[in-house]
Amino acid sequence: MQKYMGEIALSITAIIWGSGFVVSAIALEHFTPYQILAIRFIIGAIILSVIFHKRLKNIKKATIIQGVIIGIFLYLAFALQTVGLQYTTPSKNAFLTAVNVVIVPFIAFVMYKRKIDIYELTGAVLAMIGVGVLSLKLSAGVNIGDLLTLGCAFGFAFHIFYTAKYVKDSDPVLLTLIQMMTAAIIGVIVVLFKGETSFAVQREGVLSLLYLGVFSTTIAFLLQTVAQKMITETKAAIILSTESFWGMVFSVAILNETMTIKMVLGAILILVAIIISETKLPFFKNNKLKELT
């Protein structure tokens, strides 16, 4: 039952992040990328502090250190994704970010010699291909934006991996709170360093920031951290990769983007990836192929 609760929570997270693509596009018309990052994490830190401040009395030093580590990976990943987007196309940015789904199981293998489940690995590769079909428009060459975005994929992969590792022994709520505080502090420092301290306050921009802060940051990351206590990091990465599918759904519904055969095919591949990871295809199961070492 816990496993299913974790999967439902991560699916809700992916839906929220998918809607965030549309909201972020609106926010970028009013604020710089670094202002958006700083403000969304500040909102997250404030909300979580107000709601869960009593838990801070019993916080352990280890939880603070762990929260700071995943907070650094979180901000770094978002920053690399944001900077990378300035030099590459949105479709390549989305695809290369999704590469994190394949990186996660290999981090576990390299660092802890954890066996790679062939079905989860197959699902991860299919999910990445699905995101590629869904979003990628072929363009020649690899530029600095592509490399920065690939760095962002590693950042998200390590964030997912260490969240799964730390949440086993620490309070997921406190981990989320500390990582929000860490990302908010880094975000403010970056904004001050870049001198982006002035901005126009308009209703549309403020509402989009509130949505990103409350839903895409506070609720989504709290759900992710709690859910990762219940399922494997690879399965978590696969479910979270569906944010590209939900981004497509909200773009079609809200921004009136035209749905194409390519989008449908990409969505089907992501769905198949989840089915393979979830069921491990018992009707095809071969004990010799069950695990790769």
C-alpha atoms as a PDB file:
ATOM      1  CA  MET A   1       0.000   0.000   0.000  1.00  0.00           C
ATOM      2  CA  GLN A   2       2.856   2.371   0.865  1.00  0.00           C
ATOM      3  CA  LYS A   3       4.394   1.777  -2.565  1.00  0.00           C
ATOM      4  CA  TYR A   4       1.176   2.826  -4.308  1.00  0.00           C
ATOM      5  CA  MET A   5       0.874   5.911  -2.108  1.00  0.00           C
ATOM      6  CA  GLY A   6       4.412   6.872  -3.121  1.00  0.00           C
ATOM      7  CA  GLU A   7       3.641   6.358  -6.799  1.00  0.00           C
ATOM      8  CA  ILE A   8       0.451   8.436  -6.568  1.00  0.00           C
ATOM      9  CA  ALA A   9       2.337  11.239  -4.769  1.00  0.00           C
ATOM     10  CA  LEU A  10       5.075  11.273  -7.435  1.00  0.00           C
ATOM     11  CA  SER A  11       2.475  11.222 -10.215  1.00  0.00           C
ATOM     12  CA  ILE A  12       0.818  14.302  -8.665  1.00  0.00           C
ATOM     13  CA  THR A  13       4.282  15.904  -8.470  1.00  0.00           C
ATOM     14  CA  ALA A  14       4.850  15.231 -12.186  1.00  0.00           C
ATOM     15  CA  ILE A  15       1.439  16.732 -13.049  1.00  0.00           C
ATOM     16  CA  ILE A  16       2.220  19.863 -11.016  1.00  0.00           C
ATOM     17  CA  TRP A  17       5.658  20.215 -12.635  1.00  0.00           C
ATOM     18  CA  GLY A  18       4.066  19.700 -16.054  1.00  0.00           C
ATOM     19  CA  SER A  19       1.708  22.600 -15.414  1.00  0.00           C
ATOM     20  CA  GLY A  20       4.746  24.574 -14.250  1.00  0.00           C
ATOM     21  CA  PHE A  21       6.101  24.709 -17.825  1.00  0.00           C
ATOM     22  CA  VAL A  22       3.184  26.911 -18.859  1.00  0.00           C
ATOM     23  CA  VAL A  23       3.316  29.045 -15.699  1.00  0.00           C
ATOM     24  CA  SER A  24       7.099  29.492 -15.994  1.00  0.00           C
ATOM     25  CA  ALA A  25       6.653  30.819 -19.535  1.00  0.00           C
ATOM     26  CA  ILE A  26       4.296  33.471 -18.139  1.00  0.00           C
ATOM     27  CA  ALA A  27       6.619  34.295 -15.207  1.00  0.00           C
ATOM     28  CA  LEU A  28       9.592  34.780 -17.565  1.00  0.00           C
ATOM     29  CA  GLU A  29       7.736  37.667 -19.201  1.00  0.00           C
ATOM     30  CA  HIS A  30       7.941  39.580 -15.904  1.00  0.00           C
ATOM     31  CA  PHE A  31      11.055  38.325 -14.054  1.00  0.00           C
ATOM     32  CA  THR A  32      14.552  37.072 -14.814  1.00  0.00           C
ATOM     33  CA  PRO A  33      15.207  33.326 -14.432  1.00  0.00           C
ATOM     34  CA  TYR A  34      17.320  33.899 -11.297  1.00  0.00           C
ATOM     35  CA  GLN A  35      14.656  36.085  -9.699  1.00  0.00           C
ATOM     36  CA  ILE A  36      12.101  33.316 -10.314  1.00  0.00           C
ATOM     37  CA  LEU A  37      14.366  30.682  -8.748  1.00  0.00           C
ATOM     38  CA  ALA A  38      15.093  32.813  -5.682  1.00  0.00           C
ATOM     39  CA  ILE A  39      11.476  33.821  -5.083  1.00  0.00           C
ATOM     40  CA  ARG A  40       9.970  30.348  -5.595  1.00  0.00           C
ATOM     41  CA  PHE A  41      12.402  28.834  -3.074  1.00  0.00           C
ATOM     42  CA  ILE A  42      11.842  31.702  -0.610  1.00  0.00           C
ATOM     43  CA  ILE A  43       8.084  31.075  -0.816  1.00  0.00           C
ATOM     44  CA  GLY A  44       8.672  27.359  -0.263  1.00  0.00           C
ATOM     45  CA  ALA A  45      10.945  27.958   2.740  1.00  0.00           C
ATOM     46  CA  ILE A  46       8.491  30.410   4.344  1.00  0.00           C
ATOM     47  CA  ILE A  47       5.411  28.185   3.906  1.00  0.00           C
ATOM     48  CA  LEU A  48       7.149  25.072   5.222  1.00  0.00           C
ATOM     49  CA  SER A  49       8.659  27.006   8.156  1.00  0.00           C
ATOM     50  CA  VAL A  50       5.267  28.399   9.168  1.00  0.00           C
ATOM     51  CA  ILE A  51       3.506  25.027   8.961  1.00  0.00           C
ATOM     52  CA  PHE A  52       6.221  22.769  10.379  1.00  0.00           C
ATOM     53  CA  HIS A  53       8.262  25.107  12.635  1.00  0.00           C
ATOM     54  CA  LYS A  54       7.581  22.920  15.699  1.00  0.00           C
ATOM     55  CA  ARG A  55       9.474  20.041  14.090  1.00  0.00           C
ATOM     56  CA  LEU A  56      12.618  22.176  13.937  1.00  0.00           C
ATOM     57  CA  LYS A  57      13.034  21.787  17.720  1.00  0.00           C
ATOM     58  CA  ASN A  58      13.984  18.145  17.270  1.00  0.00           C
ATOM     59  CA  ILE A  59      16.042  18.468  14.103  1.00  0.00           C
ATOM     60  CA  LYS A  60      19.280  16.487  13.987  1.00  0.00           C
ATOM     61  CA  LYS A  61      22.615  17.814  12.739  1.00  0.00           C
ATOM     62  CA  ALA A  62      22.710  14.992  10.166  1.00  0.00           C
ATOM     63  CA  THR A  63      19.346  16.096   8.739  1.00  0.00           C
ATOM     64  CA  ILE A  64      20.607  19.677   8.369  1.00  0.00           C
ATOM     65  CA  ILE A  65      23.718  18.496   6.498  1.00  0.00           C
ATOM     66  CA  GLN A  66      21.656  16.181   4.282  1.00  0.00           C
ATOM     67  CA  GLY A  67      19.119  18.919   3.534  1.00  0.00           C
ATOM     68  CA  VAL A  68      21.909  21.336   2.599  1.00  0.00           C
ATOM     69  CA  ILE A  69      23.452  18.761   0.219  1.00  0.00           C
ATOM     70  CA  ILE A  70      20.219  18.063  -1.676  1.00  0.00           C
ATOM     71  CA  GLY A  71      19.400  21.783  -1.594  1.00  0.00           C
ATOM     72  CA  ILE A  72      22.689  22.561  -3.358  1.00  0.00           C
ATOM     73  CA  PHE A  73      22.028  19.890  -5.998  1.00  0.00           C
ATOM     74  CA  LEU A  74      18.491  21.232  -6.421  1.00  0.00           C
ATOM     75  CA  TYR A  75      19.536  24.842  -7.038  1.00  0.00           C
ATOM     76  CA  LEU A  76      22.509  23.810  -9.199  1.00  0.00           C
ATOM     77  CA  ALA A  77      20.279  21.660 -11.413  1.00  0.00           C
ATOM     78  CA  PHE A  78      17.700  24.426 -11.878  1.00  0.00           C
ATOM     79  CA  ALA A  79      20.388  27.045 -12.519  1.00  0.00           C
ATOM     80  CA  LEU A  80      22.167  24.919 -15.152  1.00  0.00           C
ATOM     81  CA  GLN A  81      18.833  24.195 -16.804  1.00  0.00           C
ATOM     82  CA  THR A  82      17.965  27.906 -16.833  1.00  0.00           C
ATOM     83  CA  VAL A  83      21.324  29.066 -18.212  1.00  0.00           C
ATOM     84  CA  GLY A  84      21.389  26.187 -20.692  1.00  0.00           C
ATOM     85  CA  LEU A  85      17.989  27.230 -22.033  1.00  0.00           C
ATOM     86  CA  GLN A  86      19.459  30.591 -23.056  1.00  0.00           C
ATOM     87  CA  TYR A  87      21.827  28.833 -25.500  1.00  0.00           C
ATOM     88  CA  THR A  88      19.822  25.845 -26.748  1.00  0.00           C
ATOM     89  CA  THR A  89      16.266  25.093 -27.831  1.00  0.00           C
ATOM     90  CA  PRO A  90      13.483  24.372 -25.285  1.00  0.00           C
ATOM     91  CA  SER A  91      12.957  20.922 -26.840  1.00  0.00           C
ATOM     92  CA  LYS A  92      16.614  19.923 -26.472  1.00  0.00           C
ATOM     93  CA  ASN A  93      16.618  21.410 -22.970  1.00  0.00           C
ATOM     94  CA  ALA A  94      13.639  19.228 -21.982  1.00  0.00           C
ATOM     95  CA  PHE A  95      15.126  16.111 -23.576  1.00  0.00           C
ATOM     96  CA  LEU A  96      18.612  16.469 -22.080  1.00  0.00           C
ATOM     97  CA  THR A  97      17.120  17.195 -18.639  1.00  0.00           C
ATOM     98  CA  ALA A  98      15.201  13.903 -18.927  1.00  0.00           C
ATOM     99  CA  VAL A  99      18.493  12.019 -19.343  1.00  0.00           C
ATOM    100  CA  ASN A 100      18.580  12.044 -15.511  1.00  0.00           C
ATOM    101  CA  VAL A 101      16.174   9.098 -15.592  1.00  0.00           C
ATOM    102  CA  VAL A 102      18.936   6.881 -17.023  1.00  0.00           C
ATOM    103  CA  ILE A 103      21.735   8.359 -14.891  1.00  0.00           C
ATOM    104  CA  VAL A 104      20.071   7.541 -11.541  1.00  0.00           C
ATOM    105  CA  PRO A 105      20.471   3.718 -11.587  1.00  0.00           C
ATOM    106  CA  PHE A 106      24.116   4.043 -12.651  1.00  0.00           C
ATOM    107  CA  ILE A 107      24.874   6.394  -9.744  1.00  0.00           C
ATOM    108  CA  ALA A 108      23.563   3.704  -7.383  1.00  0.00           C
ATOM    109  CA  PHE A 109      25.662   1.070  -9.184  1.00  0.00           C
ATOM    110  CA  VAL A 110      28.915   3.080  -9.209  1.00  0.00           C
ATOM    111  CA  MET A 111      28.668   4.442  -5.653  1.00  0.00           C
ATOM    112  CA  TYR A 112      27.122   1.491  -3.836  1.00  0.00           C
ATOM    113  CA  LYS A 113      27.538  -1.424  -6.271  1.00  0.00           C
ATOM    114  CA  ARG A 114      23.752  -1.764  -6.221  1.00  0.00           C
ATOM    115  CA  LYS A 115      22.539  -4.196  -8.863  1.00  0.00           C
ATOM    116  CA  ILE A 116      20.774  -2.647 -11.833  1.00  0.00           C
ATOM    117  CA  ASP A 117      17.274  -4.012 -12.356  1.00  0.00           C
ATOM    118  CA  ILE A 118      16.999  -4.757 -16.093  1.00  0.00           C
ATOM    119  CA  TYR A 119      13.301  -3.851 -16.165  1.00  0.00           C
ATOM    120  CA  GLU A 120      13.781  -0.510 -14.415  1.00  0.00           C
ATOM    121  CA  LEU A 121      16.745   0.258 -16.696  1.00  0.00           C
ATOM    122  CA  THR A 122      14.679  -0.627 -19.786  1.00  0.00           C
ATOM    123  CA  GLY A 123      11.874   1.548 -18.474  1.00  0.00           C
ATOM    124  CA  ALA A 124      14.304   4.412 -17.843  1.00  0.00           C
ATOM    125  CA  VAL A 125      15.719   4.243 -21.390  1.00  0.00           C
ATOM    126  CA  LEU A 126      12.218   4.056 -22.900  1.00  0.00           C
ATOM    127  CA  ALA A 127      11.075   7.003 -20.790  1.00  0.00           C
ATOM    128  CA  MET A 128      14.034   9.071 -22.023  1.00  0.00           C
ATOM    129  CA  ILE A 129      13.302   8.107 -25.653  1.00  0.00           C
ATOM    130  CA  GLY A 130       9.630   8.967 -25.072  1.00  0.00           C
ATOM    131  CA  VAL A 131      10.554  12.429 -23.806  1.00  0.00           C
ATOM    132  CA  GLY A 132      12.806  12.816 -26.846  1.00  0.00           C
ATOM    133  CA  VAL A 133      10.034  11.885 -29.293  1.00  0.00           C
ATOM    134  CA  LEU A 134       7.603  14.104 -27.365  1.00  0.00           C
ATOM    135  CA  SER A 135       9.746  17.227 -27.344  1.00  0.00           C
ATOM    136  CA  LEU A 136      12.867  16.969 -29.494  1.00  0.00           C
ATOM    137  CA  LYS A 137      13.232  18.834 -32.743  1.00  0.00           C
ATOM    138  CA  LEU A 138      16.373  17.818 -34.570  1.00  0.00           C
ATOM    139  CA  SER A 139      19.028  20.500 -34.783  1.00  0.00           C
ATOM    140  CA  ALA A 140      22.617  20.043 -35.785  1.00  0.00           C
ATOM    141  CA  GLY A 141      25.581  20.268 -33.453  1.00  0.00           C
ATOM    142  CA  VAL A 142      26.166  20.357 -29.724  1.00  0.00           C
ATOM    143  CA  ASN A 143      26.594  23.775 -28.109  1.00  0.00           C
ATOM    144  CA  ILE A 144      27.390  25.094 -24.634  1.00  0.00           C
ATOM    145  CA  GLY A 145      23.679  25.158 -23.800  1.00  0.00           C
ATOM    146  CA  ASP A 146      23.410  21.425 -24.464  1.00  0.00           C
ATOM    147  CA  LEU A 147      26.402  20.712 -22.204  1.00  0.00           C
ATOM    148  CA  LEU A 148      25.017  22.909 -19.420  1.00  0.00           C
ATOM    149  CA  THR A 149      21.648  21.148 -19.681  1.00  0.00           C
ATOM    150  CA  LEU A 150      23.380  17.766 -19.515  1.00  0.00           C
ATOM    151  CA  GLY A 151      25.025  19.025 -16.323  1.00  0.00           C
ATOM    152  CA  CYS A 152      21.533  19.881 -15.088  1.00  0.00           C
ATOM    153  CA  ALA A 153      20.474  16.262 -15.759  1.00  0.00           C
ATOM    154  CA  PHE A 154      23.316  15.050 -13.517  1.00  0.00           C
ATOM    155  CA  GLY A 155      22.232  17.584 -10.889  1.00  0.00           C
ATOM    156  CA  PHE A 156      18.646  16.284 -10.863  1.00  0.00           C
ATOM    157  CA  ALA A 157      19.878  12.672 -10.917  1.00  0.00           C
ATOM    158  CA  PHE A 158      22.033  13.234  -7.816  1.00  0.00           C
ATOM    159  CA  HIS A 159      19.152  15.127  -6.186  1.00  0.00           C
ATOM    160  CA  ILE A 160      16.808  12.153  -6.712  1.00  0.00           C
ATOM    161  CA  PHE A 161      19.492   9.677  -5.612  1.00  0.00           C
ATOM    162  CA  TYR A 162      20.469  11.471  -2.407  1.00  0.00           C
ATOM    163  CA  THR A 163      16.848  12.246  -1.537  1.00  0.00           C
ATOM    164  CA  ALA A 164      16.121   8.498  -1.671  1.00  0.00           C
ATOM    165  CA  LYS A 165      19.242   7.781   0.404  1.00  0.00           C
ATOM    166  CA  TYR A 166      18.690  10.388   3.126  1.00  0.00           C
ATOM    167  CA  VAL A 167      14.940  10.037   3.501  1.00  0.00           C
ATOM    168  CA  LYS A 168      15.343   6.485   4.827  1.00  0.00           C
ATOM    169  CA  ASP A 169      16.658   7.748   8.172  1.00  0.00           C
ATOM    170  CA  SER A 170      15.514  11.385   8.279  1.00  0.00           C
ATOM    171  CA  ASP A 171      12.212  13.245   8.544  1.00  0.00           C
ATOM    172  CA  PRO A 172      11.146  13.947   4.907  1.00  0.00           C
ATOM    173  CA  VAL A 173       9.406  17.189   5.942  1.00  0.00           C
ATOM    174  CA  LEU A 174      12.535  18.558   7.626  1.00  0.00           C
ATOM    175  CA  LEU A 175      14.680  17.446   4.667  1.00  0.00           C
ATOM    176  CA  THR A 176      12.373  19.354   2.330  1.00  0.00           C
ATOM    177  CA  LEU A 177      12.408  22.432   4.584  1.00  0.00           C
ATOM    178  CA  ILE A 178      16.214  22.545   4.862  1.00  0.00           C
ATOM    179  CA  GLN A 179      16.701  22.034   1.117  1.00  0.00           C
ATOM    180  CA  MET A 180      14.226  24.869   0.430  1.00  0.00           C
ATOM    181  CA  MET A 181      16.103  27.167   2.831  1.00  0.00           C
ATOM    182  CA  THR A 182      19.429  26.232   1.232  1.00  0.00           C
ATOM    183  CA  ALA A 183      18.177  26.814  -2.323  1.00  0.00           C
ATOM    184  CA  ALA A 184      16.545  30.105  -1.247  1.00  0.00           C
ATOM    185  CA  ILE A 185      19.784  31.394   0.341  1.00  0.00           C
ATOM    186  CA  ILE A 186      21.817  30.462  -2.751  1.00  0.00           C
ATOM    187  CA  GLY A 187      19.120  32.039  -4.940  1.00  0.00           C
ATOM    188  CA  VAL A 188      19.220  35.345  -3.048  1.00  0.00           C
ATOM    189  CA  ILE A 189      23.044  35.434  -3.164  1.00  0.00           C
ATOM    190  CA  VAL A 190      22.993  34.864  -6.952  1.00  0.00           C
ATOM    191  CA  VAL A 191      20.368  37.598  -7.498  1.00  0.00           C
ATOM    192  CA  LEU A 192      22.381  40.077  -5.387  1.00  0.00           C
ATOM    193  CA  PHE A 193      25.616  39.103  -7.166  1.00  0.00           C
ATOM    194  CA  LYS A 194      24.013  39.654 -10.574  1.00  0.00           C
ATOM    195  CA  GLY A 195      22.424  42.936  -9.444  1.00  0.00           C
ATOM    196  CA  GLU A 196      18.905  41.826 -10.392  1.00  0.00           C
ATOM    197  CA  THR A 197      17.270  43.428  -7.359  1.00  0.00           C
ATOM    198  CA  SER A 198      14.674  45.547  -9.157  1.00  0.00           C
ATOM    199  CA  PHE A 199      11.577  44.289 -10.934  1.00  0.00           C
ATOM    200  CA  ALA A 200       8.099  45.504 -11.871  1.00  0.00           C
ATOM    201  CA  VAL A 201       5.232  44.109  -9.808  1.00  0.00           C
ATOM    202  CA  GLN A 202       2.347  43.157 -12.095  1.00  0.00           C
ATOM    203  CA  ARG A 203      -0.630  40.963 -11.205  1.00  0.00           C
ATOM    204  CA  GLU A 204       0.027  38.282 -13.847  1.00  0.00           C
ATOM    205  CA  GLY A 205       3.688  37.966 -12.883  1.00  0.00           C
ATOM    206  CA  VAL A 206       2.955  37.825  -9.143  1.00  0.00           C
ATOM    207  CA  LEU A 207       0.251  35.160  -9.588  1.00  0.00           C
ATOM    208  CA  SER A 208       2.556  33.007 -11.710  1.00  0.00           C
ATOM    209  CA  LEU A 209       5.311  33.271  -9.075  1.00  0.00           C
ATOM    210  CA  LEU A 210       2.851  32.351  -6.310  1.00  0.00           C
ATOM    211  CA  TYR A 211       1.801  29.268  -8.281  1.00  0.00           C
ATOM    212  CA  LEU A 212       5.411  28.225  -8.838  1.00  0.00           C
ATOM    213  CA  GLY A 213       6.250  28.857  -5.182  1.00  0.00           C
ATOM    214  CA  VAL A 214       3.222  27.172  -3.617  1.00  0.00           C
ATOM    215  CA  PHE A 215       2.519  24.302  -6.011  1.00  0.00           C
ATOM    216  CA  SER A 216       5.612  23.620  -8.176  1.00  0.00           C
ATOM    217  CA  THR A 217       8.006  24.108  -5.253  1.00  0.00           C
ATOM    218  CA  THR A 218       6.427  23.674  -1.798  1.00  0.00           C
ATOM    219  CA  ILE A 219       3.805  21.010  -2.476  1.00  0.00           C
ATOM    220  CA  ALA A 220       5.637  19.202  -5.294  1.00  0.00           C
ATOM    221  CA  PHE A 221       8.993  18.816  -3.507  1.00  0.00           C
ATOM    222  CA  LEU A 222       7.318  17.876  -0.233  1.00  0.00           C
ATOM    223  CA  LEU A 223       5.388  15.148  -2.069  1.00  0.00           C
ATOM    224  CA  GLN A 224       8.567  14.003  -3.844  1.00  0.00           C
ATOM    225  CA  THR A 225      10.605  13.727  -0.645  1.00  0.00           C
ATOM    226  CA  VAL A 226       7.881  11.885   1.282  1.00  0.00           C
ATOM    227  CA  ALA A 227       7.160   9.572  -1.670  1.00  0.00           C
ATOM    228  CA  GLN A 228      10.822   8.619  -2.129  1.00  0.00           C
ATOM    229  CA  LYS A 229      10.726   7.006   1.299  1.00  0.00           C
ATOM    230  CA  MET A 230       8.418   4.391  -0.237  1.00  0.00           C
ATOM    231  CA  ILE A 231       9.864   3.473  -3.664  1.00  0.00           C
ATOM    232  CA  THR A 232      13.212   3.069  -5.428  1.00  0.00           C
ATOM    233  CA  GLU A 233      15.063   6.069  -6.837  1.00  0.00           C
ATOM    234  CA  THR A 234      14.993   4.657 -10.408  1.00  0.00           C
ATOM    235  CA  LYS A 235      11.230   4.159 -10.325  1.00  0.00           C
ATOM    236  CA  ALA A 236      10.881   7.666  -8.881  1.00  0.00           C
ATOM    237  CA  ALA A 237      12.923   9.103 -11.777  1.00  0.00           C
ATOM    238  CA  ILE A 238      10.766   7.264 -14.336  1.00  0.00           C
ATOM    239  CA  ILE A 239       7.490   8.534 -12.825  1.00  0.00           C
ATOM    240  CA  LEU A 240       8.850  12.083 -12.546  1.00  0.00           C
ATOM    241  CA  SER A 241       9.864  11.970 -16.234  1.00  0.00           C
ATOM    242  CA  THR A 242       6.142  12.096 -17.088  1.00  0.00           C
ATOM    243  CA  GLU A 243       6.277  15.823 -16.342  1.00  0.00           C
ATOM    244  CA  SER A 244       7.117  16.261 -20.055  1.00  0.00           C
ATOM    245  CA  PHE A 245       3.877  14.494 -20.978  1.00  0.00           C
ATOM    246  CA  TRP A 246       1.876  16.669 -18.580  1.00  0.00           C
ATOM    247  CA  GLY A 247       3.673  19.745 -19.896  1.00  0.00           C
ATOM    248  CA  MET A 248       2.387  18.788 -23.344  1.00  0.00           C
ATOM    249  CA  VAL A 249      -1.162  18.255 -21.997  1.00  0.00           C
ATOM    250  CA  PHE A 250      -1.268  21.670 -20.317  1.00  0.00           C
ATOM    251  CA  SER A 251       0.306  23.379 -23.364  1.00  0.00           C
ATOM    252  CA  VAL A 252      -2.410  21.905 -25.582  1.00  0.00           C
ATOM    253  CA  ALA A 253      -5.199  22.713 -23.095  1.00  0.00           C
ATOM    254  CA  ILE A 254      -4.114  26.196 -21.995  1.00  0.00           C
ATOM    255  CA  LEU A 255      -1.834  27.570 -24.723  1.00  0.00           C
ATOM    256  CA  ASN A 256      -3.806  25.911 -27.565  1.00  0.00           C
ATOM    257  CA  GLU A 257      -0.729  24.109 -28.862  1.00  0.00           C
ATOM    258  CA  THR A 258      -1.560  21.642 -31.644  1.00  0.00           C
ATOM    259  CA  MET A 259      -1.281  17.970 -30.688  1.00  0.00           C
ATOM    260  CA  THR A 260       0.751  15.925 -33.170  1.00  0.00           C
ATOM    261  CA  ILE A 261       1.302  12.214 -33.880  1.00  0.00           C
ATOM    262  CA  LYS A 262       4.824  12.670 -32.496  1.00  0.00           C
ATOM    263  CA  MET A 263       3.414  13.858 -29.164  1.00  0.00           C
ATOM    264  CA  VAL A 264       1.063  10.870 -28.950  1.00  0.00           C
ATOM    265  CA  LEU A 265       3.888   8.431 -29.779  1.00  0.00           C
ATOM    266  CA  GLY A 266       6.125   9.990 -27.123  1.00  0.00           C
ATOM    267  CA  ALA A 267       3.341   9.742 -24.543  1.00  0.00           C
ATOM    268  CA  ILE A 268       2.802   6.044 -25.390  1.00  0.00           C
ATOM    269  CA  LEU A 269       6.528   5.298 -24.973  1.00  0.00           C
ATOM    270  CA  ILE A 270       6.540   6.955 -21.529  1.00  0.00           C
ATOM    271  CA  LEU A 271       3.451   4.947 -20.540  1.00  0.00           C
ATOM    272  CA  VAL A 272       5.098   1.689 -21.714  1.00  0.00           C
ATOM    273  CA  ALA A 273       8.218   2.622 -19.725  1.00  0.00           C
ATOM    274  CA  ILE A 274       6.165   2.925 -16.527  1.00  0.00           C
ATOM    275  CA  ILE A 275       4.328  -0.373 -17.210  1.00  0.00           C
ATOM    276  CA  ILE A 276       7.644  -2.227 -17.707  1.00  0.00           C
ATOM    277  CA  SER A 277       9.137  -0.709 -14.557  1.00  0.00           C
ATOM    278  CA  GLU A 278       6.006  -1.406 -12.513  1.00  0.00           C
ATOM    279  CA  THR A 279       5.044  -4.921 -13.634  1.00  0.00           C
ATOM    280  CA  LYS A 280       8.485  -6.215 -14.696  1.00  0.00           C
ATOM    281  CA  LEU A 281       6.520  -8.024 -17.428  1.00  0.00           C
ATOM    282  CA  PRO A 282       5.879 -11.305 -15.585  1.00  0.00           C
ATOM    283  CA  PHE A 283       4.722 -12.985 -18.807  1.00  0.00           C
ATOM    284  CA  PHE A 284       8.172 -12.410 -20.351  1.00  0.00           C
ATOM    285  CA  LYS A 285      10.192 -12.843 -17.195  1.00  0.00           C
ATOM    286  CA  ASN A 286      13.389 -14.813 -17.562  1.00  0.00           C
ATOM    287  CA  ASN A 287      15.355 -15.375 -14.372  1.00  0.00           C
ATOM    288  CA  LYS A 288      18.660 -15.132 -16.235  1.00  0.00           C
ATOM    289  CA  LEU A 289      17.831 -11.628 -17.406  1.00  0.00           C
ATOM    290  CA  LYS A 290      16.270 -10.419 -14.165  1.00  0.00           C
ATOM    291  CA  GLU A 291      19.274  -8.358 -13.056  1.00  0.00           C
ATOM    292  CA  LEU A 292      22.438  -6.914 -14.531  1.00  0.00           C
ATOM    293  CA  THR A 293      25.462  -6.670 -12.326  1.00  0.00           C
END
